């Protein structure tokens, strides 16, 4: 799958209007929400997670239909069970993510609502904590999602959306964790 990412990025860059062709406006955004990590498989054993949370902050540029942004995010989920047994209290997986995201906004005529789709590529620092020992690993990450923006004021948009976040397997002290999460987010975007 990784061999398809670079050609897709290049094609996407050529499809985006240049700043000379379209007016660009900078913006900042912050969002947060519910993080539902999928089960991890570690040496044939299943690790299940409790519902967690995530927060993201981004700085971006927007044209009429396209947004490009740099985003920093933090995800945290406590481990619920390990191969059917209750996990050690306080054990969790946390992720710092550093993503480059692209959005396509569909601006409906005479409407304050704009649906969007998004994709992102980047780096994730995955940390596993069992309550006494902490391990971390830096891995490739990607995400894709969709949502709706609601114009709240002239330069303020409220975003509500869904994202699927996935990272390469993380080696945490010899245990290799598969990492993926379904995320439901709400946030605010402010244009400059």
N, C-alpha and C. Protein backbone atom coordinates (compact mmCIF):
# COMPACT_ATOMS: atom_id res chain seq x y z
N UNK A 1 0.80 -1.18 0.00
CA UNK A 1 0.00 0.00 0.00
C UNK A 1 0.85 1.26 0.00
N UNK A 2 2.01 1.21 0.68
CA UNK A 2 2.86 2.39 0.77
C UNK A 2 3.36 2.84 -0.60
N UNK A 3 3.53 1.91 -1.56
CA UNK A 3 4.04 2.29 -2.87
C UNK A 3 3.03 3.10 -3.66
N UNK A 4 1.75 3.12 -3.22
CA UNK A 4 0.73 3.92 -3.89
C UNK A 4 0.59 5.32 -3.31
N UNK A 5 1.14 5.55 -2.12
CA UNK A 5 0.93 6.82 -1.43
C UNK A 5 1.61 7.97 -2.15
N UNK A 6 2.89 7.84 -2.53
CA UNK A 6 3.60 8.93 -3.19
C UNK A 6 2.93 9.35 -4.49
N UNK A 7 2.55 8.42 -5.39
CA UNK A 7 1.85 8.84 -6.60
C UNK A 7 0.53 9.56 -6.31
N UNK A 8 -0.20 9.11 -5.29
CA UNK A 8 -1.45 9.77 -4.94
C UNK A 8 -1.20 11.19 -4.42
N UNK A 9 -0.15 11.35 -3.62
CA UNK A 9 0.18 12.69 -3.13
C UNK A 9 0.54 13.62 -4.28
N UNK A 10 1.37 13.15 -5.20
CA UNK A 10 1.78 13.97 -6.34
C UNK A 10 0.56 14.34 -7.19
N UNK A 11 -0.30 13.37 -7.45
CA UNK A 11 -1.50 13.65 -8.24
C UNK A 11 -2.39 14.66 -7.52
N UNK A 12 -2.51 14.53 -6.21
CA UNK A 12 -3.31 15.47 -5.44
C UNK A 12 -2.76 16.88 -5.47
N UNK A 13 -1.45 17.00 -5.41
CA UNK A 13 -0.84 18.33 -5.47
C UNK A 13 -1.10 19.02 -6.80
N UNK A 14 -1.06 18.26 -7.90
CA UNK A 14 -1.33 18.85 -9.21
C UNK A 14 -2.81 19.18 -9.39
N UNK A 15 -3.69 18.52 -8.64
CA UNK A 15 -5.12 18.78 -8.75
C UNK A 15 -5.54 20.02 -7.95
N UNK A 16 -4.70 20.44 -7.00
CA UNK A 16 -5.02 21.59 -6.16
C UNK A 16 -4.67 22.88 -6.91
N UNK A 17 -5.59 23.85 -6.95
CA UNK A 17 -5.26 25.11 -7.60
C UNK A 17 -4.11 25.79 -6.89
N UNK A 18 -3.24 26.44 -7.64
CA UNK A 18 -2.12 27.15 -7.03
C UNK A 18 -2.65 28.40 -6.35
N UNK A 19 -1.88 28.94 -5.38
CA UNK A 19 -2.33 30.16 -4.71
C UNK A 19 -2.53 31.32 -5.70
N UNK A 20 -1.81 31.31 -6.83
CA UNK A 20 -1.99 32.37 -7.82
C UNK A 20 -3.35 32.25 -8.52
N UNK A 21 -3.90 31.05 -8.58
CA UNK A 21 -5.17 30.83 -9.26
C UNK A 21 -6.37 31.01 -8.33
N UNK A 22 -6.18 30.85 -7.05
CA UNK A 22 -7.29 30.93 -6.12
C UNK A 22 -6.85 31.70 -4.87
N UNK A 23 -7.77 32.46 -4.31
CA UNK A 23 -7.47 33.20 -3.09
C UNK A 23 -7.34 32.22 -1.93
N UNK A 24 -6.27 32.35 -1.16
CA UNK A 24 -6.06 31.48 -0.01
C UNK A 24 -6.23 32.28 1.27
N UNK A 25 -6.83 31.64 2.25
CA UNK A 25 -7.04 32.26 3.55
C UNK A 25 -6.49 31.33 4.62
N UNK A 26 -5.66 31.83 5.53
CA UNK A 26 -5.16 31.00 6.62
C UNK A 26 -6.25 30.79 7.68
N UNK A 27 -6.12 29.70 8.42
CA UNK A 27 -7.06 29.41 9.51
C UNK A 27 -6.37 28.59 10.58
N UNK A 28 -6.95 28.57 11.76
CA UNK A 28 -6.54 27.68 12.84
C UNK A 28 -7.77 26.87 13.22
N UNK A 29 -7.53 25.67 13.73
CA UNK A 29 -8.66 24.87 14.19
C UNK A 29 -8.25 24.06 15.41
N UNK A 30 -9.23 23.75 16.21
CA UNK A 30 -9.04 22.86 17.35
C UNK A 30 -10.27 21.95 17.41
N UNK A 31 -10.04 20.67 17.71
CA UNK A 31 -11.15 19.72 17.78
C UNK A 31 -10.84 18.66 18.83
N UNK A 32 -11.86 17.99 19.24
CA UNK A 32 -11.71 16.91 20.21
C UNK A 32 -12.88 15.96 20.09
N UNK A 33 -12.72 14.81 20.71
CA UNK A 33 -13.83 13.87 20.64
C UNK A 33 -13.52 12.51 21.20
N UNK A 34 -14.33 11.58 20.75
CA UNK A 34 -14.31 10.20 21.22
C UNK A 34 -13.41 9.35 20.33
N UNK A 35 -12.47 8.63 20.95
CA UNK A 35 -11.58 7.73 20.22
C UNK A 35 -11.90 6.28 20.56
N UNK A 36 -12.27 5.51 19.54
CA UNK A 36 -12.62 4.10 19.73
C UNK A 36 -11.57 3.24 19.04
N UNK A 37 -10.54 2.83 19.81
CA UNK A 37 -9.48 2.02 19.23
C UNK A 37 -9.99 0.62 18.92
N UNK A 38 -9.56 0.11 17.76
CA UNK A 38 -9.91 -1.27 17.42
C UNK A 38 -9.00 -2.20 18.22
N UNK A 39 -9.42 -3.44 18.36
CA UNK A 39 -8.60 -4.41 19.10
C UNK A 39 -7.24 -4.55 18.45
N UNK A 40 -6.21 -4.69 19.29
CA UNK A 40 -4.86 -4.98 18.80
C UNK A 40 -4.60 -6.46 18.92
N UNK A 41 -3.77 -6.97 18.04
CA UNK A 41 -3.31 -8.35 18.14
C UNK A 41 -1.83 -8.32 18.50
N UNK A 42 -1.47 -8.96 19.61
CA UNK A 42 -0.09 -8.99 20.09
C UNK A 42 0.29 -10.44 20.29
N UNK A 43 1.17 -10.97 19.44
CA UNK A 43 1.61 -12.37 19.52
C UNK A 43 0.42 -13.33 19.63
N UNK A 44 -0.62 -13.09 18.82
CA UNK A 44 -1.78 -13.97 18.81
C UNK A 44 -2.78 -13.71 19.91
N UNK A 45 -2.47 -12.78 20.82
CA UNK A 45 -3.39 -12.44 21.90
C UNK A 45 -4.12 -11.14 21.55
N UNK A 46 -5.37 -11.03 21.99
CA UNK A 46 -6.19 -9.87 21.65
C UNK A 46 -6.17 -8.87 22.81
N UNK A 47 -5.87 -7.63 22.47
CA UNK A 47 -5.90 -6.53 23.44
C UNK A 47 -7.11 -5.66 23.11
N UNK A 48 -8.00 -5.47 24.08
CA UNK A 48 -9.18 -4.64 23.90
C UNK A 48 -9.03 -3.36 24.69
N UNK A 49 -9.62 -2.27 24.16
CA UNK A 49 -9.46 -0.94 24.75
C UNK A 49 -10.79 -0.38 25.22
N UNK A 50 -10.71 0.48 26.22
CA UNK A 50 -11.86 1.27 26.62
C UNK A 50 -11.99 2.45 25.67
N UNK A 51 -13.16 3.07 25.65
CA UNK A 51 -13.32 4.29 24.88
C UNK A 51 -12.35 5.33 25.41
N UNK A 52 -11.78 6.11 24.50
CA UNK A 52 -10.81 7.11 24.90
C UNK A 52 -11.15 8.47 24.34
N UNK A 53 -10.16 9.31 24.29
CA UNK A 53 -10.37 10.67 23.79
C UNK A 53 -9.22 11.08 22.89
N UNK A 54 -9.44 12.13 22.12
CA UNK A 54 -8.39 12.72 21.32
C UNK A 54 -8.63 14.20 21.18
N UNK A 55 -7.55 14.96 21.02
CA UNK A 55 -7.62 16.39 20.75
C UNK A 55 -6.65 16.69 19.61
N UNK A 56 -7.04 17.61 18.74
CA UNK A 56 -6.21 18.00 17.59
C UNK A 56 -6.17 19.51 17.50
N UNK A 57 -5.03 20.03 17.05
CA UNK A 57 -4.90 21.45 16.73
C UNK A 57 -4.22 21.55 15.38
N UNK A 58 -4.67 22.50 14.54
CA UNK A 58 -4.13 22.58 13.18
C UNK A 58 -4.01 24.03 12.74
N UNK A 59 -3.09 24.23 11.82
CA UNK A 59 -2.90 25.51 11.14
C UNK A 59 -2.97 25.20 9.65
N UNK A 60 -3.80 25.95 8.90
CA UNK A 60 -3.99 25.59 7.50
C UNK A 60 -4.23 26.77 6.59
N UNK A 61 -4.35 26.43 5.30
CA UNK A 61 -4.70 27.37 4.24
C UNK A 61 -5.94 26.86 3.53
N UNK A 62 -6.87 27.78 3.21
CA UNK A 62 -8.14 27.39 2.59
C UNK A 62 -8.37 28.19 1.32
N UNK A 63 -8.81 27.49 0.27
CA UNK A 63 -9.34 28.14 -0.93
C UNK A 63 -10.85 27.88 -0.92
N UNK A 64 -11.52 28.14 -2.02
CA UNK A 64 -12.97 27.90 -2.05
C UNK A 64 -13.33 26.45 -1.77
N UNK A 65 -12.55 25.50 -2.32
CA UNK A 65 -12.91 24.09 -2.21
C UNK A 65 -11.87 23.21 -1.54
N UNK A 66 -10.66 23.71 -1.36
CA UNK A 66 -9.56 22.88 -0.87
C UNK A 66 -8.95 23.50 0.38
N UNK A 67 -8.64 22.63 1.35
CA UNK A 67 -7.88 23.05 2.54
C UNK A 67 -6.67 22.14 2.69
N UNK A 68 -5.53 22.73 3.03
CA UNK A 68 -4.32 21.99 3.35
C UNK A 68 -3.88 22.45 4.74
N UNK A 69 -3.52 21.48 5.60
CA UNK A 69 -3.17 21.87 6.96
C UNK A 69 -2.11 20.97 7.57
N UNK A 70 -1.44 21.51 8.59
CA UNK A 70 -0.52 20.76 9.44
C UNK A 70 -1.23 20.59 10.78
N UNK A 71 -1.29 19.36 11.26
CA UNK A 71 -2.07 19.05 12.46
C UNK A 71 -1.23 18.29 13.47
N UNK A 72 -1.41 18.63 14.74
CA UNK A 72 -0.82 17.89 15.86
C UNK A 72 -1.98 17.34 16.66
N UNK A 73 -1.90 16.04 17.01
CA UNK A 73 -2.98 15.43 17.76
C UNK A 73 -2.48 14.56 18.90
N UNK A 74 -3.33 14.36 19.89
CA UNK A 74 -3.02 13.47 21.00
C UNK A 74 -4.22 12.54 21.21
N UNK A 75 -3.96 11.22 21.23
CA UNK A 75 -4.99 10.19 21.41
C UNK A 75 -4.64 9.41 22.68
N UNK A 76 -5.63 8.99 23.44
CA UNK A 76 -5.37 8.18 24.63
C UNK A 76 -6.51 7.19 24.85
N UNK A 77 -6.15 5.93 25.04
CA UNK A 77 -7.12 4.88 25.35
C UNK A 77 -6.54 3.96 26.42
N UNK A 78 -7.31 3.70 27.49
CA UNK A 78 -6.90 2.73 28.49
C UNK A 78 -7.12 1.32 27.94
N UNK A 79 -6.25 0.41 28.33
CA UNK A 79 -6.40 -1.00 27.94
C UNK A 79 -7.44 -1.63 28.86
N UNK A 80 -8.43 -2.30 28.28
CA UNK A 80 -9.51 -2.92 29.04
C UNK A 80 -9.15 -4.35 29.42
N UNK A 81 -8.88 -5.19 28.39
CA UNK A 81 -8.51 -6.59 28.65
C UNK A 81 -7.34 -7.00 27.77
N UNK A 82 -6.57 -7.97 28.25
CA UNK A 82 -5.47 -8.55 27.49
C UNK A 82 -5.73 -10.05 27.43
N UNK A 83 -6.09 -10.53 26.25
CA UNK A 83 -6.42 -11.93 26.02
C UNK A 83 -7.51 -12.42 26.98
N UNK A 84 -8.52 -11.55 27.20
CA UNK A 84 -9.66 -11.92 28.03
C UNK A 84 -9.50 -11.61 29.50
N UNK A 85 -8.28 -11.36 29.96
CA UNK A 85 -8.05 -11.04 31.37
C UNK A 85 -8.04 -9.52 31.57
N UNK A 86 -8.53 -9.06 32.73
CA UNK A 86 -8.50 -7.61 32.98
C UNK A 86 -7.07 -7.08 32.90
N UNK A 87 -6.93 -5.90 32.32
CA UNK A 87 -5.61 -5.29 32.17
C UNK A 87 -5.12 -4.74 33.51
N UNK A 88 -3.84 -4.51 33.59
CA UNK A 88 -3.26 -3.89 34.78
C UNK A 88 -3.84 -2.48 34.91
N UNK A 89 -4.35 -2.10 36.07
CA UNK A 89 -4.90 -0.75 36.21
C UNK A 89 -3.88 0.32 35.80
N UNK A 90 -4.35 1.29 35.04
CA UNK A 90 -3.47 2.37 34.59
C UNK A 90 -2.75 2.10 33.29
N UNK A 91 -2.89 0.90 32.72
CA UNK A 91 -2.20 0.61 31.45
C UNK A 91 -2.97 1.25 30.30
N UNK A 92 -2.24 1.85 29.38
CA UNK A 92 -2.89 2.55 28.27
C UNK A 92 -1.97 2.65 27.07
N UNK A 93 -2.57 3.06 25.97
CA UNK A 93 -1.86 3.40 24.74
C UNK A 93 -2.16 4.88 24.46
N UNK A 94 -1.11 5.66 24.25
CA UNK A 94 -1.30 7.06 23.87
C UNK A 94 -0.51 7.32 22.59
N UNK A 95 -0.98 8.27 21.81
CA UNK A 95 -0.38 8.55 20.50
C UNK A 95 -0.28 10.06 20.31
N UNK A 96 0.92 10.54 20.00
CA UNK A 96 1.10 11.89 19.49
C UNK A 96 1.20 11.75 17.98
N UNK A 97 0.35 12.46 17.25
CA UNK A 97 0.38 12.37 15.78
C UNK A 97 0.71 13.73 15.19
N UNK A 98 1.46 13.69 14.09
CA UNK A 98 1.88 14.88 13.35
C UNK A 98 1.52 14.63 11.89
N UNK A 99 0.45 15.29 11.43
CA UNK A 99 -0.16 14.94 10.16
C UNK A 99 -0.21 16.12 9.20
N UNK A 100 -0.10 15.81 7.91
CA UNK A 100 -0.38 16.75 6.82
C UNK A 100 -1.72 16.31 6.23
N UNK A 101 -2.73 17.17 6.33
CA UNK A 101 -4.09 16.82 5.91
C UNK A 101 -4.52 17.63 4.69
N UNK A 102 -5.33 17.00 3.85
CA UNK A 102 -5.96 17.67 2.73
C UNK A 102 -7.46 17.46 2.79
N UNK A 103 -8.21 18.52 2.52
CA UNK A 103 -9.67 18.48 2.58
C UNK A 103 -10.23 18.94 1.24
N UNK A 104 -11.38 18.38 0.88
CA UNK A 104 -12.17 18.92 -0.22
C UNK A 104 -13.52 19.31 0.36
N UNK A 105 -13.83 20.61 0.32
CA UNK A 105 -15.10 21.13 0.83
C UNK A 105 -16.09 21.26 -0.31
N UNK A 106 -17.30 20.79 -0.09
CA UNK A 106 -18.37 20.96 -1.07
C UNK A 106 -19.27 22.09 -0.57
N UNK A 107 -19.11 23.27 -1.17
CA UNK A 107 -19.88 24.43 -0.76
C UNK A 107 -21.21 24.46 -1.50
N UNK A 108 -22.30 24.23 -0.77
CA UNK A 108 -23.63 24.22 -1.37
C UNK A 108 -24.11 25.66 -1.55
N UNK A 109 -24.78 25.95 -2.65
CA UNK A 109 -25.27 27.29 -2.94
C UNK A 109 -26.21 27.78 -1.85
N UNK A 110 -26.02 29.04 -1.45
CA UNK A 110 -26.90 29.70 -0.49
C UNK A 110 -27.12 28.88 0.78
N UNK A 111 -26.07 28.22 1.24
CA UNK A 111 -26.19 27.40 2.44
C UNK A 111 -25.02 27.69 3.38
N UNK A 112 -25.28 27.60 4.66
CA UNK A 112 -24.24 27.77 5.68
C UNK A 112 -23.62 26.42 6.03
N UNK A 113 -23.97 25.38 5.28
CA UNK A 113 -23.48 24.02 5.54
C UNK A 113 -22.57 23.60 4.40
N UNK A 114 -21.40 23.02 4.75
CA UNK A 114 -20.49 22.53 3.71
C UNK A 114 -19.93 21.16 4.11
N UNK A 115 -20.40 20.09 3.47
CA UNK A 115 -19.83 18.76 3.70
C UNK A 115 -18.38 18.72 3.20
N UNK A 116 -17.59 17.82 3.77
CA UNK A 116 -16.19 17.68 3.34
C UNK A 116 -15.72 16.23 3.46
N UNK A 117 -14.68 15.94 2.71
CA UNK A 117 -13.94 14.69 2.87
C UNK A 117 -12.49 15.07 3.12
N UNK A 118 -11.73 14.20 3.78
CA UNK A 118 -10.34 14.52 4.10
C UNK A 118 -9.47 13.27 4.10
N UNK A 119 -8.17 13.48 3.86
CA UNK A 119 -7.15 12.44 4.01
C UNK A 119 -5.93 13.09 4.63
N UNK A 120 -5.14 12.28 5.32
CA UNK A 120 -3.93 12.80 5.94
C UNK A 120 -2.85 11.74 6.02
N UNK A 121 -1.61 12.20 5.97
CA UNK A 121 -0.45 11.32 6.10
C UNK A 121 0.51 11.94 7.12
N UNK A 122 1.24 11.09 7.84
CA UNK A 122 2.18 11.66 8.79
C UNK A 122 2.89 10.64 9.63
N UNK A 123 3.22 11.08 10.84
CA UNK A 123 4.04 10.33 11.79
C UNK A 123 3.29 10.20 13.11
N UNK A 124 3.40 9.04 13.74
CA UNK A 124 2.78 8.83 15.05
C UNK A 124 3.80 8.30 16.03
N UNK A 125 3.87 8.91 17.19
CA UNK A 125 4.69 8.39 18.27
C UNK A 125 3.75 7.65 19.23
N UNK A 126 3.79 6.32 19.19
CA UNK A 126 2.89 5.47 19.97
C UNK A 126 3.59 5.08 21.27
N UNK A 127 2.92 5.30 22.40
CA UNK A 127 3.48 4.98 23.72
C UNK A 127 2.58 3.98 24.42
N UNK A 128 3.17 2.91 24.93
CA UNK A 128 2.46 1.93 25.74
C UNK A 128 2.94 2.03 27.18
N UNK A 129 2.00 2.11 28.11
CA UNK A 129 2.32 2.25 29.53
C UNK A 129 1.55 1.17 30.28
N UNK A 130 2.28 0.30 31.00
CA UNK A 130 1.59 -0.76 31.75
C UNK A 130 1.45 -0.41 33.23
N UNK A 131 1.65 0.85 33.57
CA UNK A 131 1.55 1.29 34.96
C UNK A 131 2.89 1.38 35.65
N UNK A 132 3.90 0.67 35.11
CA UNK A 132 5.23 0.73 35.73
C UNK A 132 6.33 0.96 34.70
N UNK A 133 6.15 0.47 33.49
CA UNK A 133 7.15 0.61 32.43
C UNK A 133 6.50 1.24 31.21
N UNK A 134 7.24 2.13 30.54
CA UNK A 134 6.73 2.80 29.34
C UNK A 134 7.65 2.51 28.16
N UNK A 135 7.04 2.17 27.02
CA UNK A 135 7.77 1.95 25.77
C UNK A 135 7.14 2.81 24.70
N UNK A 136 7.95 3.25 23.72
CA UNK A 136 7.37 4.00 22.61
C UNK A 136 8.04 3.63 21.30
N UNK A 137 7.34 3.96 20.20
CA UNK A 137 7.84 3.67 18.85
C UNK A 137 7.26 4.71 17.90
N UNK A 138 8.10 5.21 17.00
CA UNK A 138 7.65 6.14 15.98
C UNK A 138 7.33 5.41 14.70
N UNK A 139 6.13 5.63 14.15
CA UNK A 139 5.67 4.87 12.98
C UNK A 139 4.92 5.78 12.01
N UNK A 140 4.77 5.31 10.78
CA UNK A 140 3.98 5.99 9.75
C UNK A 140 2.50 5.93 10.13
N UNK A 141 1.76 7.01 9.82
CA UNK A 141 0.33 7.03 10.12
C UNK A 141 -0.44 7.67 8.97
N UNK A 142 -1.71 7.30 8.86
CA UNK A 142 -2.59 7.92 7.87
C UNK A 142 -4.00 8.00 8.46
N UNK A 143 -4.81 8.87 7.87
CA UNK A 143 -6.20 8.97 8.30
C UNK A 143 -7.06 9.43 7.13
N UNK A 144 -8.34 9.10 7.23
CA UNK A 144 -9.32 9.52 6.23
C UNK A 144 -10.64 9.74 6.94
N UNK A 145 -11.43 10.67 6.42
CA UNK A 145 -12.69 10.94 7.09
C UNK A 145 -13.62 11.82 6.28
N UNK A 146 -14.73 12.14 6.91
CA UNK A 146 -15.74 13.00 6.29
C UNK A 146 -16.48 13.72 7.41
N UNK A 147 -17.12 14.83 7.02
CA UNK A 147 -17.86 15.57 8.02
C UNK A 147 -18.63 16.71 7.40
N UNK A 148 -19.09 17.60 8.26
CA UNK A 148 -19.88 18.75 7.84
C UNK A 148 -19.41 19.97 8.61
N UNK A 149 -19.24 21.08 7.88
CA UNK A 149 -18.93 22.35 8.51
C UNK A 149 -20.18 23.22 8.54
N UNK A 150 -20.43 23.86 9.69
CA UNK A 150 -21.58 24.75 9.87
C UNK A 150 -21.05 26.16 10.11
N UNK A 151 -21.36 27.09 9.25
CA UNK A 151 -20.91 28.48 9.39
C UNK A 151 -21.62 29.10 10.59
N UNK A 152 -20.86 29.44 11.65
CA UNK A 152 -21.45 30.01 12.86
C UNK A 152 -21.37 31.53 12.86
N UNK A 153 -20.37 32.09 12.18
CA UNK A 153 -20.19 33.54 12.05
C UNK A 153 -19.36 33.77 10.79
N UNK A 154 -19.06 35.04 10.52
CA UNK A 154 -18.34 35.38 9.30
C UNK A 154 -17.05 34.59 9.13
N UNK A 155 -16.26 34.44 10.18
CA UNK A 155 -14.97 33.75 10.08
C UNK A 155 -14.88 32.52 10.99
N UNK A 156 -16.02 32.04 11.45
CA UNK A 156 -16.04 30.90 12.38
C UNK A 156 -16.90 29.78 11.82
N UNK A 157 -16.33 28.57 11.77
CA UNK A 157 -17.04 27.38 11.31
C UNK A 157 -16.96 26.30 12.37
N UNK A 158 -18.08 25.67 12.66
CA UNK A 158 -18.13 24.53 13.57
C UNK A 158 -18.08 23.27 12.71
N UNK A 159 -17.12 22.38 13.00
CA UNK A 159 -16.97 21.13 12.25
C UNK A 159 -17.41 19.94 13.10
N UNK A 160 -18.12 19.02 12.49
CA UNK A 160 -18.48 17.74 13.11
C UNK A 160 -18.14 16.66 12.11
N UNK A 161 -17.39 15.62 12.54
CA UNK A 161 -16.99 14.62 11.56
C UNK A 161 -16.53 13.31 12.17
N UNK A 162 -16.17 12.42 11.26
CA UNK A 162 -15.66 11.08 11.58
C UNK A 162 -14.31 10.92 10.90
N UNK A 163 -13.36 10.27 11.60
CA UNK A 163 -12.07 9.93 11.00
C UNK A 163 -11.68 8.50 11.38
N UNK A 164 -11.10 7.83 10.41
CA UNK A 164 -10.46 6.55 10.68
C UNK A 164 -8.97 6.83 10.71
N UNK A 165 -8.31 6.53 11.82
CA UNK A 165 -6.88 6.75 12.00
C UNK A 165 -6.18 5.40 12.07
N UNK A 166 -5.07 5.25 11.35
CA UNK A 166 -4.33 3.99 11.36
C UNK A 166 -2.84 4.28 11.34
N UNK A 167 -2.09 3.47 12.05
CA UNK A 167 -0.63 3.59 12.08
C UNK A 167 -0.02 2.23 11.81
N UNK A 168 1.22 2.24 11.35
CA UNK A 168 1.95 0.99 11.18
C UNK A 168 2.09 0.31 12.55
N UNK A 169 2.31 -1.00 12.55
CA UNK A 169 2.47 -1.73 13.80
C UNK A 169 3.58 -1.11 14.64
N UNK A 170 3.32 -0.94 15.94
CA UNK A 170 4.27 -0.31 16.85
C UNK A 170 4.92 -1.36 17.75
N UNK A 171 6.24 -1.35 17.82
CA UNK A 171 7.00 -2.27 18.67
C UNK A 171 7.17 -1.61 20.03
N UNK A 172 6.43 -2.10 21.01
CA UNK A 172 6.46 -1.53 22.35
C UNK A 172 7.09 -2.53 23.31
N UNK A 173 8.40 -2.45 23.44
CA UNK A 173 9.14 -3.35 24.34
C UNK A 173 9.12 -4.79 23.91
N UNK A 174 9.12 -5.04 22.60
CA UNK A 174 9.10 -6.41 22.09
C UNK A 174 7.71 -6.91 21.76
N UNK A 175 6.69 -6.23 22.24
CA UNK A 175 5.31 -6.57 21.88
C UNK A 175 4.90 -5.66 20.72
N UNK A 176 4.45 -6.27 19.62
CA UNK A 176 4.08 -5.50 18.43
C UNK A 176 2.57 -5.31 18.40
N UNK A 177 2.13 -4.06 18.49
CA UNK A 177 0.71 -3.70 18.54
C UNK A 177 0.24 -3.20 17.19
N UNK A 178 -0.92 -3.70 16.73
CA UNK A 178 -1.57 -3.09 15.58
C UNK A 178 -2.36 -1.88 16.11
N UNK A 179 -2.30 -0.77 15.37
CA UNK A 179 -2.88 0.49 15.85
C UNK A 179 -3.90 1.03 14.85
N UNK A 180 -5.14 1.20 15.29
CA UNK A 180 -6.18 1.83 14.46
C UNK A 180 -7.28 2.34 15.38
N UNK A 181 -7.98 3.38 14.93
CA UNK A 181 -8.99 4.00 15.76
C UNK A 181 -10.10 4.63 14.92
N UNK A 182 -11.33 4.50 15.39
CA UNK A 182 -12.48 5.21 14.81
C UNK A 182 -12.73 6.41 15.71
N UNK A 183 -12.75 7.62 15.12
CA UNK A 183 -12.83 8.84 15.92
C UNK A 183 -14.02 9.70 15.51
N UNK A 184 -14.75 10.18 16.49
CA UNK A 184 -15.86 11.09 16.27
C UNK A 184 -15.46 12.42 16.88
N UNK A 185 -15.44 13.47 16.05
CA UNK A 185 -14.87 14.76 16.46
C UNK A 185 -15.84 15.92 16.29
N UNK A 186 -15.66 16.91 17.13
CA UNK A 186 -16.33 18.20 16.98
C UNK A 186 -15.29 19.28 17.25
N UNK A 187 -15.34 20.36 16.49
CA UNK A 187 -14.34 21.40 16.67
C UNK A 187 -14.75 22.72 16.08
N UNK A 188 -13.85 23.67 16.18
CA UNK A 188 -14.08 25.00 15.65
C UNK A 188 -12.91 25.41 14.76
N UNK A 189 -13.23 26.07 13.65
CA UNK A 189 -12.24 26.56 12.70
C UNK A 189 -12.40 28.07 12.58
N UNK A 190 -11.30 28.81 12.74
CA UNK A 190 -11.35 30.27 12.70
C UNK A 190 -10.46 30.77 11.59
N UNK A 191 -11.04 31.51 10.62
CA UNK A 191 -10.29 32.10 9.52
C UNK A 191 -9.64 33.39 9.98
N UNK A 192 -8.48 33.70 9.41
CA UNK A 192 -7.80 34.98 9.70
C UNK A 192 -8.33 36.06 8.80
